[in-house]
N, C-alpha and C. Protein backbone atom coordinates (compact mmCIF):
# COMPACT_ATOMS: atom_id res chain seq x y z
N MET A 1 -8.05 -23.51 93.06
CA MET A 1 -6.33 -23.18 92.05
C MET A 1 -6.92 -24.26 91.34
N ASP A 2 -7.87 -24.91 90.84
CA ASP A 2 -7.79 -26.25 89.83
C ASP A 2 -8.25 -25.22 88.55
N ASN A 3 -8.21 -23.83 88.50
CA ASN A 3 -8.28 -23.60 86.91
C ASN A 3 -7.63 -22.85 86.38
N MET A 4 -6.40 -22.69 87.42
CA MET A 4 -5.35 -22.36 87.31
C MET A 4 -4.45 -22.58 86.23
N THR A 5 -3.44 -21.59 85.13
CA THR A 5 -2.36 -22.54 84.30
C THR A 5 -1.26 -23.25 85.19
N ILE A 6 -0.40 -23.75 84.92
CA ILE A 6 0.74 -23.62 85.47
C ILE A 6 1.36 -22.83 85.49
N ALA A 7 1.40 -22.01 85.37
CA ALA A 7 2.45 -20.63 85.28
C ALA A 7 1.47 -19.70 86.85
N GLU A 8 0.17 -19.94 85.99
CA GLU A 8 -0.22 -19.40 87.63
C GLU A 8 -0.14 -19.92 88.75
N LYS A 9 0.48 -21.12 89.05
CA LYS A 9 0.30 -22.05 90.02
C LYS A 9 1.83 -21.55 90.37
N VAL A 10 2.53 -22.18 89.46
CA VAL A 10 3.81 -21.45 89.88
C VAL A 10 4.07 -20.02 90.66
N SER A 11 3.13 -18.97 89.74
CA SER A 11 3.34 -17.79 90.09
C SER A 11 2.62 -17.94 91.63
N TYR A 12 1.96 -18.12 92.13
CA TYR A 12 1.22 -18.23 93.41
C TYR A 12 1.81 -18.94 93.98
N ILE A 13 2.83 -20.04 93.80
CA ILE A 13 3.93 -20.63 95.06
C ILE A 13 4.74 -19.77 94.83
N LYS A 14 5.77 -19.57 94.31
CA LYS A 14 6.78 -17.92 94.35
C LYS A 14 5.65 -16.70 95.06
N GLY A 15 5.13 -16.96 95.71
CA GLY A 15 4.24 -15.73 95.99
C GLY A 15 4.09 -16.22 97.80
N LEU A 16 3.38 -17.25 97.66
CA LEU A 16 3.71 -18.46 99.20
C LEU A 16 5.19 -18.52 99.40
N THR A 17 5.93 -18.74 99.15
CA THR A 17 7.24 -18.28 99.98
C THR A 17 8.46 -17.36 99.89
N GLU A 18 7.50 -16.03 99.50
CA GLU A 18 7.79 -14.91 99.69
C GLU A 18 7.42 -13.90 100.64
N GLY A 19 5.78 -14.58 101.01
CA GLY A 19 4.98 -14.00 101.94
C GLY A 19 5.69 -14.63 102.55
N MET A 20 6.49 -15.74 103.29
CA MET A 20 7.32 -16.23 104.45
C MET A 20 8.40 -16.30 104.52
N LYS A 21 8.86 -15.06 103.76
CA LYS A 21 10.01 -14.15 103.72
C LYS A 21 11.24 -15.65 103.90
N LEU A 22 11.61 -16.77 102.66
CA LEU A 22 12.11 -17.56 102.74
C LEU A 22 13.52 -17.26 102.47
N ASP A 23 14.23 -18.10 103.82
CA ASP A 23 15.64 -17.45 103.46
C ASP A 23 16.86 -17.85 102.12
N THR A 24 17.26 -16.98 100.87
CA THR A 24 17.75 -17.47 100.66
C THR A 24 19.38 -17.96 100.35
N ALA A 25 19.45 -17.34 101.77
CA ALA A 25 21.29 -17.43 101.74
C ALA A 25 21.61 -19.32 102.67
N THR A 26 19.72 -19.82 102.54
CA THR A 26 20.59 -20.88 104.20
C THR A 26 20.32 -22.64 102.96
N ASN A 27 20.80 -22.94 102.76
CA ASN A 27 20.69 -24.32 101.14
C ASN A 27 19.34 -24.25 101.05
N GLU A 28 18.61 -24.80 102.27
CA GLU A 28 17.35 -24.83 101.71
C GLU A 28 16.74 -23.95 100.79
N GLY A 29 16.74 -22.75 101.37
CA GLY A 29 16.33 -21.50 100.75
C GLY A 29 16.65 -21.66 99.60
N LYS A 30 17.58 -21.87 99.46
CA LYS A 30 18.32 -22.17 97.73
C LYS A 30 17.85 -22.71 96.74
N VAL A 31 17.95 -23.93 97.59
CA VAL A 31 16.89 -25.02 96.42
C VAL A 31 15.98 -24.62 96.34
N LEU A 32 15.23 -24.45 97.73
CA LEU A 32 13.44 -23.95 97.26
C LEU A 32 13.47 -23.09 96.09
N ALA A 33 14.51 -21.82 95.86
CA ALA A 33 14.56 -20.92 95.14
C ALA A 33 14.96 -21.55 93.68
N ALA A 34 15.67 -22.20 93.51
CA ALA A 34 16.32 -23.15 92.19
C ALA A 34 14.94 -23.65 92.01
N ILE A 35 14.55 -24.79 92.80
CA ILE A 35 13.01 -25.47 92.32
C ILE A 35 12.08 -24.26 92.44
N LEU A 36 11.81 -23.20 92.59
CA LEU A 36 10.65 -23.03 91.56
C LEU A 36 11.10 -21.39 90.51
N ASP A 37 12.21 -22.17 90.11
CA ASP A 37 12.88 -21.05 88.93
C ASP A 37 12.52 -22.09 87.54
N VAL A 38 12.72 -22.97 88.25
CA VAL A 38 12.71 -24.15 86.94
C VAL A 38 11.54 -24.59 86.88
N LEU A 39 10.37 -23.90 87.87
CA LEU A 39 9.47 -24.90 87.33
C LEU A 39 8.55 -23.96 87.04
N GLY A 40 9.47 -22.14 87.20
CA GLY A 40 8.94 -21.35 86.35
C GLY A 40 9.09 -21.41 84.91
N ASP A 41 10.47 -22.17 84.78
CA ASP A 41 10.80 -22.13 83.21
C ASP A 41 10.08 -23.16 82.47
N ILE A 42 9.99 -23.99 82.57
CA ILE A 42 9.07 -25.41 82.63
C ILE A 42 7.28 -25.13 82.56
N ALA A 43 6.87 -24.37 83.51
CA ALA A 43 5.46 -23.57 83.32
C ALA A 43 5.45 -22.90 81.74
N LEU A 44 6.24 -22.23 81.59
CA LEU A 44 6.69 -21.27 80.44
C LEU A 44 6.89 -22.24 79.24
N ASN A 45 7.97 -23.19 78.99
CA ASN A 45 8.00 -23.98 77.91
C ASN A 45 6.35 -24.97 77.92
N ILE A 46 5.60 -25.28 78.91
CA ILE A 46 3.92 -25.53 78.63
C ILE A 46 3.58 -24.60 77.81
N GLU A 47 3.31 -23.31 77.90
CA GLU A 47 2.71 -22.78 77.75
C GLU A 47 2.97 -22.41 76.22
N ASP A 48 3.84 -22.51 76.02
CA ASP A 48 4.29 -22.34 74.27
C ASP A 48 4.12 -23.35 74.04
N ILE A 49 3.99 -24.22 73.94
CA ILE A 49 4.24 -25.55 73.67
C ILE A 49 2.42 -26.27 73.21
N ASP A 50 1.57 -25.43 74.41
CA ASP A 50 -0.12 -25.74 74.10
C ASP A 50 -0.27 -24.45 72.65
N SER A 51 0.32 -23.33 72.84
CA SER A 51 -0.22 -22.76 71.74
C SER A 51 0.70 -23.07 70.72
N ASP A 52 1.94 -23.12 69.99
CA ASP A 52 2.58 -24.32 69.10
C ASP A 52 1.60 -25.13 68.73
N LEU A 53 0.27 -25.97 69.70
CA LEU A 53 -0.19 -27.50 69.49
C LEU A 53 -1.49 -26.70 69.06
N ALA A 54 -1.75 -25.71 69.89
CA ALA A 54 -3.37 -25.28 69.28
C ALA A 54 -3.44 -24.60 67.30
N ASP A 55 -1.96 -24.40 66.95
CA ASP A 55 -2.02 -23.22 65.73
C ASP A 55 -1.30 -25.04 64.38
N LEU A 56 -1.16 -26.34 65.28
CA LEU A 56 -0.69 -27.07 64.64
C LEU A 56 -1.82 -27.79 64.43
N THR A 57 -3.03 -27.49 65.38
CA THR A 57 -4.17 -28.66 65.32
C THR A 57 -4.92 -27.32 64.71
N ASP A 58 -4.83 -26.32 63.71
CA ASP A 58 -5.36 -25.32 62.82
C ASP A 58 -4.73 -25.85 61.88
N VAL A 59 -3.69 -25.54 61.14
CA VAL A 59 -3.09 -25.94 60.56
C VAL A 59 -3.92 -27.69 60.08
N VAL A 60 -3.73 -28.29 60.59
CA VAL A 60 -3.75 -29.46 60.42
C VAL A 60 -5.64 -29.97 60.08
N SER A 61 -6.33 -29.07 60.36
CA SER A 61 -7.78 -28.76 60.34
C SER A 61 -8.02 -28.08 58.66
N ASP A 62 -7.10 -26.95 58.19
CA ASP A 62 -7.43 -26.77 56.99
C ASP A 62 -6.67 -27.40 56.24
N VAL A 63 -6.08 -28.29 56.40
CA VAL A 63 -5.06 -29.67 55.57
C VAL A 63 -6.77 -30.82 55.36
N GLU A 64 -7.63 -30.42 56.57
CA GLU A 64 -8.46 -32.18 55.81
C GLU A 64 -8.97 -31.32 55.58
N ASP A 65 -9.59 -29.72 55.67
CA ASP A 65 -10.64 -29.50 55.08
C ASP A 65 -10.36 -29.91 54.07
N ASP A 66 -9.03 -28.95 53.00
CA ASP A 66 -8.61 -28.94 51.79
C ASP A 66 -8.62 -30.19 51.10
N LEU A 67 -7.74 -31.48 52.05
CA LEU A 67 -7.89 -32.32 51.37
C LEU A 67 -9.80 -33.14 50.91
N ILE A 68 -10.96 -32.95 51.93
CA ILE A 68 -12.20 -33.93 52.11
C ILE A 68 -12.70 -32.65 50.69
N GLU A 69 -11.71 -31.52 49.93
CA GLU A 69 -12.59 -30.97 48.99
C GLU A 69 -12.01 -31.23 47.77
N LEU A 70 -10.68 -31.47 48.47
CA LEU A 70 -10.08 -32.27 47.40
C LEU A 70 -10.60 -33.58 46.27
N GLU A 71 -11.16 -34.00 46.73
CA GLU A 71 -11.30 -35.79 47.55
C GLU A 71 -12.25 -35.95 46.38
N ASP A 72 -13.37 -34.44 46.93
CA ASP A 72 -14.66 -34.63 46.91
C ASP A 72 -14.95 -33.96 44.75
N TYR A 73 -13.95 -33.02 44.88
CA TYR A 73 -13.02 -32.67 43.16
C TYR A 73 -13.61 -34.43 42.46
N VAL A 74 -11.95 -34.67 42.96
CA VAL A 74 -11.79 -35.59 42.59
C VAL A 74 -12.36 -37.01 42.06
N TYR A 75 -12.86 -37.97 43.03
CA TYR A 75 -14.09 -38.37 42.54
C TYR A 75 -14.79 -38.23 42.30
N ASP A 76 -15.82 -36.78 42.42
CA ASP A 76 -17.20 -37.13 41.02
C ASP A 76 -16.64 -36.99 40.06
N GLU A 77 -15.14 -35.88 39.82
CA GLU A 77 -15.31 -36.86 38.79
C GLU A 77 -14.91 -37.96 38.13
N ASP A 78 -14.34 -39.22 38.36
CA ASP A 78 -14.02 -40.20 38.33
C ASP A 78 -15.87 -40.59 38.75
N ASP A 79 -16.79 -40.16 39.35
CA ASP A 79 -17.72 -40.68 38.87
C ASP A 79 -18.84 -40.57 37.85
N ASP A 80 -18.06 -39.64 37.21
CA ASP A 80 -19.29 -38.67 35.63
C ASP A 80 -18.66 -39.48 34.55
N THR A 81 -18.10 -40.39 34.87
CA THR A 81 -17.16 -41.47 33.53
C THR A 81 -17.48 -42.64 33.96
N SER A 82 -17.06 -43.31 35.04
CA SER A 82 -16.67 -44.50 35.23
C SER A 82 -18.31 -45.54 35.26
N THR A 83 -18.93 -44.85 34.69
CA THR A 83 -20.36 -45.73 34.18
C THR A 83 -20.11 -46.45 33.14
N TYR A 84 -19.44 -45.15 32.27
CA TYR A 84 -19.07 -45.65 30.70
C TYR A 84 -17.58 -46.42 30.46
N ASP A 85 -18.40 -47.80 30.04
CA ASP A 85 -17.12 -48.70 29.60
C ASP A 85 -17.24 -49.15 28.08
N GLY A 86 -17.64 -48.53 26.86
CA GLY A 86 -17.91 -48.44 25.80
C GLY A 86 -16.68 -48.23 24.63
N ASP A 87 -17.01 -48.17 24.15
CA ASP A 87 -16.39 -47.37 23.09
C ASP A 87 -16.24 -45.68 22.88
N ASP A 88 -15.01 -45.24 22.62
CA ASP A 88 -14.27 -43.98 22.57
C ASP A 88 -15.12 -42.77 21.15
N ASP A 89 -15.36 -43.96 20.52
CA ASP A 89 -16.46 -43.15 18.92
C ASP A 89 -17.79 -43.86 18.68
N GLU A 90 -18.47 -44.02 20.67
CA GLU A 90 -19.92 -44.05 20.46
C GLU A 90 -20.22 -42.78 21.31
N GLU A 91 -21.92 -42.23 21.04
CA GLU A 91 -22.12 -41.51 21.40
C GLU A 91 -22.71 -40.59 22.19
N LEU A 92 -22.09 -40.43 23.57
CA LEU A 92 -23.10 -39.88 24.79
C LEU A 92 -23.91 -38.89 25.00
N TYR A 93 -24.75 -39.09 26.22
CA TYR A 93 -25.90 -37.76 26.06
C TYR A 93 -25.61 -37.66 27.15
N GLU A 94 -25.93 -36.44 28.33
CA GLU A 94 -25.94 -36.02 29.52
C GLU A 94 -27.67 -35.82 28.88
N ILE A 95 -27.67 -36.67 30.83
CA ILE A 95 -29.27 -36.48 31.63
C ILE A 95 -29.04 -35.93 32.75
N THR A 96 -30.60 -35.44 33.23
CA THR A 96 -30.10 -34.14 33.91
C THR A 96 -31.33 -34.10 35.14
N CYS A 97 -30.46 -35.36 36.36
CA CYS A 97 -32.21 -35.30 36.88
C CYS A 97 -33.18 -34.71 37.24
N PRO A 98 -34.33 -34.99 37.20
CA PRO A 98 -35.59 -34.30 37.85
C PRO A 98 -34.79 -33.78 38.94
N ASP A 99 -34.86 -34.88 39.63
CA ASP A 99 -35.40 -34.60 41.15
C ASP A 99 -33.32 -33.92 41.68
N CYS A 100 -32.51 -34.57 41.33
CA CYS A 100 -31.51 -34.01 42.07
C CYS A 100 -30.77 -32.49 41.76
N GLY A 101 -31.02 -33.23 40.12
CA GLY A 101 -30.10 -31.93 39.79
C GLY A 101 -28.51 -32.38 39.03
N GLU A 102 -28.62 -33.78 39.35
CA GLU A 102 -26.97 -34.22 39.24
C GLU A 102 -27.19 -34.28 37.72
N THR A 103 -26.15 -34.72 37.25
CA THR A 103 -25.83 -34.54 35.06
C THR A 103 -25.10 -36.15 35.21
N ILE A 104 -25.86 -37.11 34.63
CA ILE A 104 -25.50 -38.60 34.01
C ILE A 104 -24.58 -38.62 32.78
N THR A 105 -24.41 -39.15 32.25
CA THR A 105 -23.59 -39.42 30.71
C THR A 105 -24.18 -41.09 30.88
N ALA A 106 -24.77 -41.06 29.58
CA ALA A 106 -25.01 -42.25 29.37
C ALA A 106 -24.42 -42.40 27.62
N ASP A 107 -24.73 -43.73 27.43
CA ASP A 107 -24.72 -43.88 25.46
C ASP A 107 -26.55 -45.06 25.57
N PHE A 108 -26.18 -44.26 23.49
CA PHE A 108 -27.77 -44.92 23.64
C PHE A 108 -28.29 -46.42 24.46
N ASP A 109 -27.37 -46.66 24.08
CA ASP A 109 -27.48 -48.44 25.17
C ASP A 109 -28.76 -48.10 25.96
N VAL A 110 -27.69 -47.38 27.24
CA VAL A 110 -28.42 -47.93 28.76
C VAL A 110 -29.86 -46.71 28.39
N ILE A 111 -29.98 -45.73 27.45
CA ILE A 111 -31.21 -44.83 27.54
C ILE A 111 -31.89 -46.04 26.60
N ALA A 112 -31.85 -46.42 25.77
CA ALA A 112 -32.18 -47.40 24.52
C ALA A 112 -33.21 -48.92 25.31
N ASP A 113 -32.94 -49.13 27.16
CA ASP A 113 -33.17 -50.09 27.96
C ASP A 113 -35.08 -49.58 28.42
N GLY A 114 -34.44 -48.49 28.45
CA GLY A 114 -35.92 -47.48 29.12
C GLY A 114 -36.07 -46.21 30.33
N GLY A 115 -34.41 -47.12 30.68
CA GLY A 115 -33.92 -46.54 32.19
C GLY A 115 -33.90 -46.55 33.04
N ILE A 116 -33.06 -45.38 34.05
CA ILE A 116 -32.13 -46.40 35.55
C ILE A 116 -31.50 -45.07 36.61
N LYS A 117 -30.87 -45.72 37.14
CA LYS A 117 -30.86 -45.18 37.97
C LYS A 117 -30.10 -44.15 38.38
N CYS A 118 -30.40 -42.85 39.07
CA CYS A 118 -29.38 -41.65 39.29
C CYS A 118 -28.61 -41.92 40.12
N PRO A 119 -27.23 -42.14 39.89
CA PRO A 119 -26.40 -42.43 41.11
C PRO A 119 -26.37 -41.62 42.25
N ASN A 120 -26.69 -40.41 41.67
CA ASN A 120 -26.54 -39.27 43.41
C ASN A 120 -27.94 -39.84 43.74
N CYS A 121 -29.15 -39.59 43.52
CA CYS A 121 -30.80 -40.20 44.84
C CYS A 121 -30.52 -40.83 45.04
N GLY A 122 -31.04 -41.96 43.84
CA GLY A 122 -31.59 -43.18 43.06
C GLY A 122 -32.31 -42.74 42.09
N ALA A 123 -32.99 -41.82 42.21
CA ALA A 123 -34.52 -41.85 41.35
C ALA A 123 -34.24 -42.53 39.63
N GLU A 124 -35.76 -43.46 39.47
CA GLU A 124 -36.09 -44.19 38.71
C GLU A 124 -35.57 -43.04 37.13
N LEU A 125 -34.85 -42.67 36.42
CA LEU A 125 -35.09 -42.00 35.61
C LEU A 125 -35.85 -42.95 34.56
N GLU A 126 -36.65 -42.35 33.87
CA GLU A 126 -38.05 -43.35 32.53
C GLU A 126 -36.66 -42.58 31.32
N PHE A 127 -37.70 -43.41 30.66
CA PHE A 127 -36.90 -42.39 29.06
C PHE A 127 -38.24 -44.22 28.10
N ASP A 128 -38.88 -42.89 27.56
CA ASP A 128 -39.80 -42.71 26.33
C ASP A 128 -38.70 -42.94 24.75
N LEU A 129 -38.72 -43.83 23.93
CA LEU A 129 -38.22 -43.21 23.02
C LEU A 129 -38.97 -44.05 22.14
N SER A 130 -40.45 -43.89 21.86
CA SER A 130 -41.33 -44.90 21.73
C SER A 130 -41.34 -43.34 19.76
N ALA A 131 -41.18 -42.12 20.20
CA ALA A 131 -41.07 -40.72 19.63
C ALA A 131 -40.17 -41.22 18.20
N LEU A 132 -38.90 -41.99 18.51
CA LEU A 132 -37.56 -42.29 17.52
C LEU A 132 -38.76 -42.79 16.71
N ASP A 133 -38.69 -44.52 17.35
CA ASP A 133 -39.72 -45.30 16.34
C ASP A 133 -40.20 -44.99 15.63
N SER A 134 -41.42 -43.50 15.67
CA SER A 134 -42.64 -43.76 14.40
C SER A 134 -41.73 -42.11 13.34
N GLU A 135 -40.63 -41.35 13.97
CA GLU A 135 -39.42 -40.69 12.83
C GLU A 135 -38.47 -41.57 12.22
N GLU A 136 -37.88 -43.01 12.43
CA GLU A 136 -37.38 -43.57 11.78
C GLU A 136 -38.31 -44.49 10.78
N ASP A 137 -39.99 -44.42 10.13
CA ASP A 137 -40.59 -44.79 9.95
C ASP A 137 -41.31 -43.63 8.20
C-alpha cells in the first residue's frame, strides 16, 4: 500500500467499505461515506496540484536555462571590452589564443610589453616586435 497514490488509497478504502456493506442509512455510515467522499476530492486536488507543480518546475527549469545563456552572452560581451581602459582613438588589435581559440582585444601598449595571459585559459601569449624595429630603420 506504500507505493499507491493517495487517490488509489482512498479508492481502496472505499472498496473496503463497500465490501463490508457499510449501511449508509445509519448516522455512522453517513459520516463515513461523507468522509470518504471528501478524501476522494482531496486526493484529486492533490493530484492536480502535483501535476501543476511538475509543469511549473519544467517552466522554471527552462527559464533558468535561458537565464544562464543570457548571462553567458552578456558577461562574455563585457569580458571582451573590460580589459580595455584606453582612449577611443587608440588602435586595438585582435589576438587569437592558439590554445583555446578565444579572441582577445588589446592595444599596442599591451602588445609592446611582450606578452599577456589569455583571460580564458591562462596560456601565456608572447609577442615578438623585433620585426617592427627593423622596419623602422
